[in-house]
Amino acid sequence: MKILYTNFHGRNGGGHVTYIINLARALAGSHQITVATPEGSRLYRQARAIAGVTAVPMQYTSRPAALFGERAQLRRLIREGGFDLIHCNGSADHKQVMFATLALPRRPRIVFTKHNDHPVTSLGNWLRARLATDHSIAVSDYVHGLMSRSPYRRHPITTIRHGIDTDYFAPPEPAGLDELRDRIFGPGWQGKLLLGSSGGTDYDKGWLDLVAAAAALPPADRARVLLMVAGDPPSEAKLARVRELGMIDQVRFPGLLDDVRPALAACDAGFVLSYREALSFACREIMGLGLPALISDVGGLPENVTDGEDGWIVPVRDVPAMTARLRFMLDNPQAVRAMGARARETAVRDFNLARFADATLDVYRRALG
């Protein structure tokens, strides 16, 4: 099968990029994979490093002056590439694919994955659903519900939750943990509760709520909590809020990491406390590393965790509820470790890459059939 993946993100790209990279790695051995994405992006860089994958520089801008050239370039790639199927991963690239394939004598089948919880009822979505979609993939049951009430319901919609490489996202050897903790948290981490997230430093990722929750603990307990938040460096306004809460010496910001495993593996538990979330690769990677996940009850996030078994689910922005879970973690370190082991079992059983790739291939075959 000849497959073209499109993605418009020009920089890190977050879960969209991880999703495509995982599929490309899983399928490149038996299918011809091409990835069309901006040249300066993480996806372009990582796709080029996968044996058997062709990475093509491609822009998906909305500037009128650039539209015709970009569409012509994409149309030429599609026409000359002889692709059986195009897999779109965002509204911008989906739109360009729609225009680029209009009136082609042989249009490849088009699969669209919805990665977020943004509305899909606009005229643009109606046009893309009608003219450039043969099958849709929802990354969670929550997203499936959104799509089933949208123009995309005219074609099949299949829920396929993210897969991760559970051999890559695996607990490290215990012998190296102290060195990791020294590197991420610095001296003095011993005896502390270490929590981390790779979800980023945007306000709507909820990490400041967890800082507030830790600050609400009694002073002796508050001093026993260290937090790590990987992603773009926080703005001065966000740092001011951390200082206001008296927590500036207890939060680490390692920056945007290509490999989040060492930073997360240094922790006792992970957290994803977003205000909106379609499913969350970050949560699944946390659990793959053998850490229980503290998550908010929004979107598809609760589809990852069984509350009290392999993590905790709290109401979104509910700081007292977060403080209560921190209290539990501080008082029950052995239970936290046991929950981490169950999180790893969940990841291996339900999040594995083979299951994800097989389910996606099944959608491809159905679209082609």
Protein backbone atom coordinates (compact mmCIF):
# COMPACT_ATOMS: atom_id res chain seq x y z
CA MET A 1 0.00 0.00 0.00
CA LYS A 2 1.27 3.49 -0.86
CA ILE A 3 0.31 5.89 1.94
CA LEU A 4 0.75 9.66 2.17
CA TYR A 5 0.59 11.28 5.62
CA THR A 6 -0.05 15.03 5.79
CA ASN A 7 0.41 17.33 8.77
CA PHE A 8 0.52 21.13 8.90
CA HIS A 9 2.43 21.74 12.17
CA GLY A 10 5.63 23.65 11.55
CA ARG A 11 7.31 23.14 14.91
CA ASN A 12 6.88 20.50 17.61
CA GLY A 13 3.38 19.39 16.66
CA GLY A 14 2.69 17.54 19.90
CA GLY A 15 0.49 14.47 19.72
CA HIS A 16 -0.22 14.84 15.99
CA VAL A 17 3.45 14.25 15.23
CA THR A 18 3.84 11.37 17.69
CA TYR A 19 0.79 9.73 16.13
CA ILE A 20 2.18 9.87 12.58
CA ILE A 21 5.69 8.84 13.61
CA ASN A 22 4.33 5.79 15.45
CA LEU A 23 2.32 4.74 12.39
CA ALA A 24 5.24 5.35 10.02
CA ARG A 25 7.58 3.25 12.14
CA ALA A 26 5.04 0.46 12.45
CA LEU A 27 4.11 0.31 8.75
CA ALA A 28 7.31 1.26 6.89
CA GLY A 29 8.54 -2.32 6.72
CA SER A 30 5.60 -3.53 4.64
CA HIS A 31 4.17 -0.39 3.00
CA GLN A 32 5.50 2.63 1.07
CA ILE A 33 5.21 5.62 3.40
CA THR A 34 5.56 9.30 2.45
CA VAL A 35 5.18 12.16 4.93
CA ALA A 36 4.45 15.68 3.63
CA THR A 37 5.04 18.29 6.31
CA PRO A 38 6.87 21.63 6.85
CA GLU A 39 10.63 21.25 6.49
CA GLY A 40 11.50 22.80 9.84
CA SER A 41 9.13 20.61 11.83
CA ARG A 42 9.87 17.83 14.30
CA LEU A 43 7.84 15.50 12.10
CA TYR A 44 10.03 16.19 9.05
CA ARG A 45 13.20 15.64 11.06
CA GLN A 46 12.02 12.41 12.68
CA ALA A 47 10.36 11.00 9.56
CA ARG A 48 13.60 11.38 7.59
CA ALA A 49 15.35 9.22 10.19
CA ILE A 50 13.01 6.24 9.66
CA ALA A 51 14.33 3.70 7.15
CA GLY A 52 12.02 3.37 4.17
CA VAL A 53 10.06 6.59 4.85
CA THR A 54 10.18 9.51 2.39
CA ALA A 55 9.81 12.99 3.90
CA VAL A 56 8.69 15.76 1.54
CA PRO A 57 8.78 19.47 2.52
CA MET A 58 5.24 20.85 2.30
CA GLN A 59 3.52 23.98 3.62
CA TYR A 60 -0.17 24.29 4.44
CA THR A 61 -0.59 28.02 5.02
CA SER A 62 -3.72 30.11 4.68
CA ARG A 63 -1.97 33.09 3.04
CA PRO A 64 -3.73 33.86 -0.27
CA ALA A 65 -0.43 34.59 -2.02
CA ALA A 66 0.89 31.13 -1.17
CA LEU A 67 -2.21 29.04 -1.70
CA PHE A 68 -1.92 28.32 -5.40
CA GLY A 69 1.74 27.37 -5.31
CA GLU A 70 1.31 25.10 -2.31
CA ARG A 71 -1.77 23.42 -3.74
CA ALA A 72 -0.04 22.89 -7.07
CA GLN A 73 2.96 21.33 -5.28
CA LEU A 74 0.71 19.02 -3.26
CA ARG A 75 -1.37 18.10 -6.31
CA ARG A 76 1.81 17.25 -8.22
CA LEU A 77 3.02 15.06 -5.34
CA ILE A 78 -0.31 13.23 -5.18
CA ARG A 79 -0.56 12.77 -8.93
CA GLU A 80 3.02 11.58 -9.39
CA GLY A 81 3.15 9.55 -6.18
CA GLY A 82 0.39 7.14 -7.18
CA PHE A 83 -0.82 6.89 -3.59
CA ASP A 84 -3.55 4.48 -2.66
CA LEU A 85 -4.51 6.48 0.40
CA ILE A 86 -3.94 9.90 2.00
CA HIS A 87 -4.17 10.18 5.77
CA CYS A 88 -4.84 13.78 6.90
CA ASN A 89 -4.26 14.88 10.48
CA GLY A 90 -5.47 18.48 10.78
CA SER A 91 -7.95 20.90 9.27
CA ALA A 92 -5.28 22.92 7.40
CA ASP A 93 -3.71 19.96 5.59
CA HIS A 94 -7.12 18.33 5.09
CA LYS A 95 -8.33 21.48 3.34
CA GLN A 96 -5.28 21.57 1.07
CA VAL A 97 -5.72 17.90 0.22
CA MET A 98 -9.36 18.60 -0.66
CA PHE A 99 -8.39 21.33 -3.13
CA ALA A 100 -5.38 19.41 -4.48
CA THR A 101 -7.46 16.32 -5.30
CA LEU A 102 -10.43 18.06 -6.95
CA ALA A 103 -11.07 16.64 -10.43
CA LEU A 104 -8.13 14.24 -10.28
CA PRO A 105 -8.85 11.36 -12.66
CA ARG A 106 -7.93 8.96 -9.86
CA ARG A 107 -8.37 10.34 -6.38
CA PRO A 108 -6.72 8.35 -3.58
CA ARG A 109 -8.97 7.36 -0.71
CA ILE A 110 -8.77 9.89 2.12
CA VAL A 111 -8.79 9.11 5.83
CA PHE A 112 -9.05 11.93 8.36
CA THR A 113 -8.07 11.63 12.02
CA LYS A 114 -9.56 14.12 14.45
CA HIS A 115 -7.01 14.66 17.20
CA ASN A 116 -8.75 17.42 19.18
CA ASP A 117 -12.14 18.42 20.57
CA HIS A 118 -12.64 21.54 18.45
CA PRO A 119 -16.08 21.97 16.84
CA VAL A 120 -16.60 20.23 13.48
CA THR A 121 -19.87 21.76 12.34
CA SER A 122 -18.61 24.61 10.13
CA LEU A 123 -19.06 24.97 6.39
CA GLY A 124 -15.39 24.05 5.92
CA ASN A 125 -15.91 20.79 7.77
CA TRP A 126 -19.04 20.09 5.71
CA LEU A 127 -17.06 20.56 2.49
CA ARG A 128 -14.13 18.41 3.67
CA ALA A 129 -16.47 15.68 4.88
CA ARG A 130 -18.29 15.66 1.55
CA LEU A 131 -15.41 16.10 -0.89
CA ALA A 132 -12.28 14.75 0.82
CA THR A 133 -13.18 12.09 3.37
CA ASP A 134 -13.88 8.39 2.91
CA HIS A 135 -13.38 7.29 6.53
CA SER A 136 -12.74 9.15 9.79
CA ILE A 137 -10.77 8.09 12.84
CA ALA A 138 -11.68 9.42 16.30
CA VAL A 139 -8.93 9.15 18.92
CA SER A 140 -11.42 8.53 21.74
CA ASP A 141 -15.07 7.70 22.30
CA TYR A 142 -15.52 11.32 23.37
CA VAL A 143 -14.25 12.56 19.98
CA HIS A 144 -16.34 9.90 18.22
CA GLY A 145 -19.41 11.47 19.82
CA LEU A 146 -18.46 14.89 18.48
CA MET A 147 -17.94 13.54 14.97
CA SER A 148 -21.17 11.53 14.95
CA ARG A 149 -23.04 14.80 15.44
CA SER A 150 -21.18 16.48 12.57
CA PRO A 151 -21.04 16.30 8.76
CA TYR A 152 -18.49 13.48 9.10
CA ARG A 153 -21.29 11.09 10.03
CA ARG A 154 -22.01 10.64 6.29
CA HIS A 155 -19.02 8.24 6.19
CA PRO A 156 -17.80 5.56 8.63
CA ILE A 157 -16.18 6.77 11.88
CA THR A 158 -13.94 4.41 13.84
CA THR A 159 -12.52 4.99 17.32
CA ILE A 160 -8.83 4.09 17.51
CA ARG A 161 -7.06 5.26 20.66
CA HIS A 162 -3.40 6.22 20.46
CA GLY A 163 -0.80 3.51 20.51
CA ILE A 164 2.64 3.93 22.02
CA ASP A 165 5.80 1.88 21.75
CA THR A 166 5.68 0.19 25.15
CA ASP A 167 9.21 -1.14 24.65
CA TYR A 168 10.45 2.43 24.16
CA PHE A 169 8.25 3.86 26.92
CA ALA A 170 9.24 1.32 29.54
CA PRO A 171 10.39 1.69 33.16
CA PRO A 172 14.16 2.25 33.40
CA GLU A 173 16.48 0.06 35.41
CA PRO A 174 16.20 0.97 39.11
CA ALA A 175 19.98 1.31 39.37
CA GLY A 176 19.94 4.46 37.23
CA LEU A 177 17.06 6.27 38.92
CA ASP A 178 19.13 8.23 41.43
CA GLU A 179 21.25 9.68 38.63
CA LEU A 180 18.12 10.68 36.67
CA ARG A 181 16.65 12.37 39.75
CA ASP A 182 19.86 14.25 40.39
CA ARG A 183 19.78 15.48 36.79
CA ILE A 184 16.11 16.52 36.70
CA PHE A 185 15.43 17.67 40.25
CA GLY A 186 18.90 18.56 41.53
CA PRO A 187 20.27 17.80 44.99
CA GLY A 188 17.88 17.32 47.87
CA TRP A 189 15.20 15.23 46.13
CA GLN A 190 15.60 12.34 48.53
CA GLY A 191 12.48 11.76 50.62
CA LYS A 192 10.39 14.00 48.34
CA LEU A 193 7.32 13.20 46.25
CA LEU A 194 8.34 13.76 42.61
CA LEU A 195 5.63 14.49 40.03
CA GLY A 196 6.10 15.28 36.35
CA SER A 197 4.34 16.18 33.13
CA SER A 198 5.39 16.45 29.49
CA GLY A 199 2.12 18.14 28.51
CA GLY A 200 3.61 21.62 28.23
CA THR A 201 3.33 24.91 30.08
CA ASP A 202 0.20 26.42 28.51
CA TYR A 203 -2.37 27.65 31.03
CA ASP A 204 -4.96 25.14 29.84
CA LYS A 205 -2.67 22.23 30.70
CA GLY A 206 -3.63 22.72 34.36
CA TRP A 207 -0.13 22.49 35.82
CA LEU A 208 -0.56 25.75 37.73
CA ASP A 209 -3.56 24.19 39.48
CA LEU A 210 -1.28 21.41 40.74
CA VAL A 211 1.23 24.00 41.93
CA ALA A 212 -1.62 25.65 43.85
CA ALA A 213 -2.67 22.25 45.22
CA ALA A 214 0.84 21.58 46.53
CA ALA A 215 1.00 25.08 48.01
CA ALA A 216 -2.21 24.35 49.95
CA LEU A 217 -0.58 21.51 51.88
CA PRO A 218 0.67 22.15 55.43
CA PRO A 219 4.17 23.68 55.29
CA ALA A 220 6.01 20.50 56.27
CA ASP A 221 4.21 18.47 53.61
CA ARG A 222 4.44 21.18 50.97
CA ALA A 223 8.22 21.10 51.35
CA ARG A 224 8.15 17.39 50.42
CA VAL A 225 6.70 17.96 46.92
CA LEU A 226 8.76 18.64 43.79
CA LEU A 227 7.17 19.17 40.38
CA MET A 228 8.61 18.93 36.85
CA VAL A 229 6.87 20.47 33.81
CA ALA A 230 8.48 19.82 30.41
CA GLY A 231 7.64 22.04 27.42
CA ASP A 232 8.28 25.55 26.19
CA PRO A 233 9.74 27.72 28.98
CA PRO A 234 6.92 29.40 30.92
CA SER A 235 6.23 33.09 30.50
CA GLU A 236 7.14 35.60 33.18
CA ALA A 237 3.45 35.87 34.12
CA LYS A 238 3.30 32.12 34.80
CA LEU A 239 6.53 32.22 36.80
CA ALA A 240 5.10 35.13 38.79
CA ARG A 241 2.13 32.95 39.73
CA VAL A 242 4.49 30.17 40.88
CA ARG A 243 6.40 32.70 43.01
CA GLU A 244 3.15 34.05 44.42
CA LEU A 245 2.28 30.53 45.58
CA GLY A 246 5.69 30.19 47.25
CA MET A 247 6.66 27.26 45.03
CA ILE A 248 9.33 28.68 42.72
CA ASP A 249 12.08 26.56 44.32
CA GLN A 250 10.00 23.39 43.97
CA VAL A 251 9.13 23.41 40.25
CA ARG A 252 11.59 22.36 37.55
CA PHE A 253 11.30 23.39 33.89
CA PRO A 254 13.65 21.25 31.74
CA GLY A 255 12.38 22.84 28.49
CA LEU A 256 11.04 21.24 25.33
CA LEU A 257 12.42 17.71 25.15
CA ASP A 258 12.69 15.45 22.10
CA ASP A 259 12.95 12.52 24.51
CA VAL A 260 10.74 12.93 27.58
CA ARG A 261 11.53 9.53 29.06
CA PRO A 262 14.39 10.46 31.41
CA ALA A 263 12.49 13.42 32.86
CA LEU A 264 9.30 11.43 33.44
CA ALA A 265 11.09 8.29 34.63
CA ALA A 266 12.68 10.36 37.40
CA CYS A 267 9.21 10.87 38.90
CA ASP A 268 7.01 8.88 41.27
CA ALA A 269 3.82 9.83 39.40
CA GLY A 270 2.77 11.83 36.36
CA PHE A 271 -0.03 14.31 35.76
CA VAL A 272 -2.16 15.60 32.89
CA LEU A 273 -4.64 18.12 34.30
CA SER A 274 -5.81 19.72 31.05
CA TYR A 275 -8.92 21.84 30.70
CA ARG A 276 -9.68 20.08 27.40
CA GLU A 277 -8.15 16.96 25.91
CA ALA A 278 -9.10 14.53 23.15
CA LEU A 279 -7.18 11.58 24.67
CA SER A 280 -3.51 12.45 25.51
CA PHE A 281 -0.32 10.77 24.39
CA ALA A 282 1.33 12.31 27.45
CA CYS A 283 -0.90 10.30 29.78
CA ARG A 284 -0.23 7.04 27.95
CA GLU A 285 3.52 7.64 27.94
CA ILE A 286 3.43 8.30 31.69
CA MET A 287 1.65 5.00 32.26
CA GLY A 288 3.96 3.14 29.89
CA LEU A 289 6.87 4.24 32.06
CA GLY A 290 5.22 2.59 35.05
CA LEU A 291 3.87 5.72 36.73
CA PRO A 292 0.31 6.28 37.96
CA ALA A 293 -1.31 9.29 36.29
CA LEU A 294 -3.23 12.10 38.01
CA ILE A 295 -5.68 13.39 35.39
CA SER A 296 -8.67 15.70 35.00
CA ASP A 297 -12.11 14.45 34.01
CA VAL A 298 -12.29 16.21 30.65
CA GLY A 299 -12.78 14.95 27.09
CA GLY A 300 -11.23 11.58 26.43
CA LEU A 301 -8.70 11.71 29.29
CA PRO A 302 -10.72 9.42 31.61
CA GLU A 303 -10.60 6.72 28.91
CA ASN A 304 -6.95 6.13 29.88
CA VAL A 305 -7.21 5.58 33.62
CA THR A 306 -9.18 3.47 36.08
CA ASP A 307 -9.57 5.75 39.10
CA GLY A 308 -7.82 4.39 42.19
CA GLU A 309 -6.27 1.49 40.27
CA ASP A 310 -3.63 2.88 37.89
CA GLY A 311 -4.15 6.58 38.53
CA TRP A 312 -6.54 9.19 39.84
CA ILE A 313 -9.29 11.20 38.11
CA VAL A 314 -10.18 14.59 39.62
CA PRO A 315 -12.68 17.25 38.53
CA VAL A 316 -11.07 19.77 36.21
CA ARG A 317 -9.55 22.77 38.03
CA ASP A 318 -10.55 21.30 41.42
CA VAL A 319 -7.52 22.31 43.48
CA PRO A 320 -8.78 20.83 46.80
CA ALA A 321 -9.29 17.45 45.08
CA MET A 322 -5.72 17.61 43.77
CA THR A 323 -4.44 18.48 47.23
CA ALA A 324 -6.23 15.41 48.61
CA ARG A 325 -4.52 13.17 46.05
CA LEU A 326 -1.14 14.68 46.90
CA ARG A 327 -1.89 13.96 50.54
CA PHE A 328 -2.59 10.32 49.62
CA MET A 329 0.65 10.03 47.64
CA LEU A 330 2.71 11.51 50.47
CA ASP A 331 1.15 9.13 53.02
CA ASN A 332 1.14 5.98 50.86
CA PRO A 333 4.34 5.67 48.79
CA GLN A 334 3.99 1.89 48.54
CA ALA A 335 0.47 2.21 47.14
CA VAL A 336 1.76 4.72 44.58
CA ARG A 337 4.39 2.22 43.42
CA ALA A 338 1.78 -0.55 43.17
CA MET A 339 -0.47 1.72 41.13
CA GLY A 340 2.48 2.46 38.85
CA ALA A 341 2.96 -1.26 38.24
CA ARG A 342 -0.71 -1.56 37.30
CA ALA A 343 -0.37 1.45 35.01
CA ARG A 344 2.41 -0.36 33.18
CA GLU A 345 0.19 -3.44 32.83
CA THR A 346 -2.59 -1.28 31.39
CA ALA A 347 -0.20 0.28 28.88
CA VAL A 348 1.21 -3.04 27.68
CA ARG A 349 -2.26 -4.57 27.34
CA ASP A 350 -4.24 -1.66 25.89
CA PHE A 351 -1.84 0.97 24.51
CA ASN A 352 0.58 -1.18 22.53
CA LEU A 353 1.71 -0.08 19.09
CA ALA A 354 0.84 -3.31 17.27
CA ARG A 355 -2.80 -3.04 18.31
CA PHE A 356 -2.91 0.60 17.20
CA ALA A 357 -1.25 -0.07 13.84
CA ASP A 358 -3.44 -3.11 13.08
CA ALA A 359 -6.62 -1.18 13.82
CA THR A 360 -5.47 1.70 11.58
CA LEU A 361 -4.57 -0.68 8.75
CA ASP A 362 -8.03 -2.19 9.03
CA VAL A 363 -9.51 1.28 8.46
CA TYR A 364 -7.27 1.74 5.42
CA ARG A 365 -8.43 -1.55 3.94
CA ARG A 366 -12.07 -0.71 4.56
CA ALA A 367 -11.63 2.71 2.95
CA LEU A 368 -9.98 1.13 -0.09
CA GLY A 369 -12.54 -1.64 -0.27
